[in-house]
Amino acid sequence: MAPRINTGHDKGYKCVNANCGQHNLILNMAAVNDDDWTCKTCGGPLNVMIVNANTTIFVRRIRARDVAVGDQMYLPHKFSIAHPVVDSGMATEKAFAHKWRLAMKKGGGVVYRMPDEFVDLS
């Protein structure tokens, strides 16, 4: 299945499971289960390596419905600042029926995603 997030900025992936043989390696897409952004070797979560303005950051990728208040979320293609999430829940606005509403502080605004669509968190 195609990833439900733009991966053009991804530079590699790193398994966070210390017991996995892939733990200290930068993995390519072939080693990644892009249905749920886990390691194909152990099934554990991954961090995504992104290079932004000559700075390398690692983000975790989760479904919009799993974002919790207090998580720090990056807007698409904007990795200079992670915005604190102040509200996460099904949208109540008629125009966004069936979408997940994520409201952020620090100029992050509000974004609407399908509940299973992935977002990047710090």
Protein backbone atom coordinates (compact mmCIF):
# COMPACT_ATOMS: atom_id res chain seq x y z
CA MET A 1 0.00 0.00 0.00
CA ALA A 2 1.23 3.50 -0.77
CA PRO A 3 2.29 5.61 2.21
CA ARG A 4 -0.38 7.98 3.40
CA ILE A 5 2.12 10.79 3.79
CA ASN A 6 4.56 12.53 1.47
CA THR A 7 7.92 10.76 1.80
CA GLY A 8 9.93 13.04 -0.50
CA HIS A 9 11.74 14.59 2.47
CA ASP A 10 12.64 11.21 4.08
CA LYS A 11 16.38 10.46 4.05
CA GLY A 12 16.26 7.16 5.92
CA TYR A 13 14.65 5.22 8.73
CA LYS A 14 15.90 3.93 12.07
CA CYS A 15 14.40 1.14 14.17
CA VAL A 16 13.95 2.25 17.79
CA ASN A 17 13.94 -1.30 19.18
CA ALA A 18 17.33 -1.75 20.90
CA ASN A 19 17.01 -5.54 20.56
CA CYS A 20 16.62 -5.42 16.76
CA GLY A 21 19.58 -6.12 14.50
CA GLN A 22 18.59 -3.05 12.48
CA HIS A 23 18.69 -0.70 15.51
CA ASN A 24 21.91 1.19 14.70
CA LEU A 25 21.47 1.26 10.93
CA ILE A 26 19.95 3.84 8.64
CA LEU A 27 17.39 1.81 6.71
CA ASN A 28 16.00 2.33 3.23
CA MET A 29 12.35 2.07 2.24
CA ALA A 30 12.69 -1.67 1.45
CA ALA A 31 13.17 -2.34 5.20
CA VAL A 32 10.08 -0.36 6.17
CA ASN A 33 6.46 -1.50 6.46
CA ASP A 34 4.80 1.65 5.12
CA ASP A 35 1.33 0.45 6.13
CA ASP A 36 2.14 1.32 9.74
CA TRP A 37 5.70 2.74 9.65
CA THR A 38 7.34 -0.15 11.46
CA CYS A 39 10.54 -2.14 10.98
CA LYS A 40 10.05 -5.19 8.72
CA THR A 41 12.66 -7.10 10.76
CA CYS A 42 11.15 -6.83 14.26
CA GLY A 43 7.83 -5.03 13.80
CA GLY A 44 8.92 -2.22 16.13
CA PRO A 45 8.40 1.50 15.56
CA LEU A 46 10.71 3.59 13.40
CA ASN A 47 12.09 7.07 13.49
CA VAL A 48 12.20 8.89 10.17
CA MET A 49 15.39 10.82 9.34
CA ILE A 50 14.75 14.20 7.71
CA VAL A 51 17.35 16.77 6.69
CA ASN A 52 16.08 20.33 6.94
CA ALA A 53 18.32 23.35 6.33
CA ASN A 54 21.45 21.22 6.89
CA THR A 55 20.04 19.95 10.20
CA THR A 56 19.14 16.29 10.64
CA ILE A 57 16.10 15.51 12.74
CA PHE A 58 14.36 12.25 13.57
CA VAL A 59 10.57 12.21 13.73
CA ARG A 60 8.07 9.53 14.60
CA ARG A 61 5.21 8.88 12.25
CA ILE A 62 1.75 8.02 13.59
CA ARG A 63 -1.85 8.10 12.42
CA ALA A 64 -3.73 11.37 12.91
CA ARG A 65 -6.26 9.63 15.17
CA ASP A 66 -3.43 8.62 17.52
CA VAL A 67 -2.10 12.15 18.04
CA ALA A 68 -2.58 13.24 21.65
CA VAL A 69 -2.86 16.68 23.18
CA GLY A 70 0.67 17.75 24.09
CA ASP A 71 2.36 15.96 21.17
CA GLN A 72 4.66 18.14 19.09
CA MET A 73 3.63 18.01 15.39
CA TYR A 74 5.37 19.21 12.26
CA LEU A 75 3.37 20.75 9.45
CA PRO A 76 3.92 19.15 6.02
CA HIS A 77 7.27 20.20 4.50
CA LYS A 78 8.00 22.54 7.44
CA PHE A 79 10.50 20.95 9.78
CA SER A 80 11.99 24.03 11.43
CA ILE A 81 9.46 23.99 14.29
CA ALA A 82 7.19 21.42 15.89
CA HIS A 83 3.89 22.81 17.11
CA PRO A 84 2.26 21.67 20.38
CA VAL A 85 -1.09 19.98 19.72
CA VAL A 86 -3.87 21.51 21.80
CA ASP A 87 -6.81 19.54 20.36
CA SER A 88 -7.11 16.21 18.57
CA GLY A 89 -10.45 14.70 17.63
CA MET A 90 -13.03 14.06 14.94
CA ALA A 91 -14.00 17.25 13.17
CA THR A 92 -17.40 18.64 14.04
CA GLU A 93 -17.54 21.06 11.11
CA LYS A 94 -19.86 19.86 8.33
CA ALA A 95 -17.32 20.70 5.61
CA PHE A 96 -14.77 18.36 7.22
CA ALA A 97 -17.02 15.41 8.07
CA HIS A 98 -15.08 12.15 8.52
CA LYS A 99 -11.77 14.00 9.00
CA TRP A 100 -9.58 14.28 12.07
CA ARG A 101 -9.02 17.80 13.43
CA LEU A 102 -5.59 18.70 14.81
CA ALA A 103 -5.24 22.16 16.38
CA MET A 104 -1.80 23.50 17.27
CA LYS A 105 -0.23 26.43 19.13
CA LYS A 106 2.69 28.58 17.96
CA GLY A 107 1.17 29.47 14.61
CA GLY A 108 0.46 25.87 13.66
CA GLY A 109 -3.21 26.55 13.08
CA VAL A 110 -5.65 23.73 12.42
CA VAL A 111 -5.18 20.88 9.95
CA TYR A 112 -7.65 18.23 8.89
CA ARG A 113 -6.52 14.72 7.97
CA MET A 114 -8.20 11.41 7.40
CA PRO A 115 -8.03 9.49 10.71
CA ASP A 116 -5.63 6.89 9.23
CA GLU A 117 -3.42 9.46 7.49
CA PHE A 118 0.06 9.70 8.97
CA VAL A 119 1.64 12.82 10.47
CA ASP A 120 5.15 13.58 11.74
CA LEU A 121 5.81 14.21 15.44
CA SER A 122 8.97 15.22 17.25
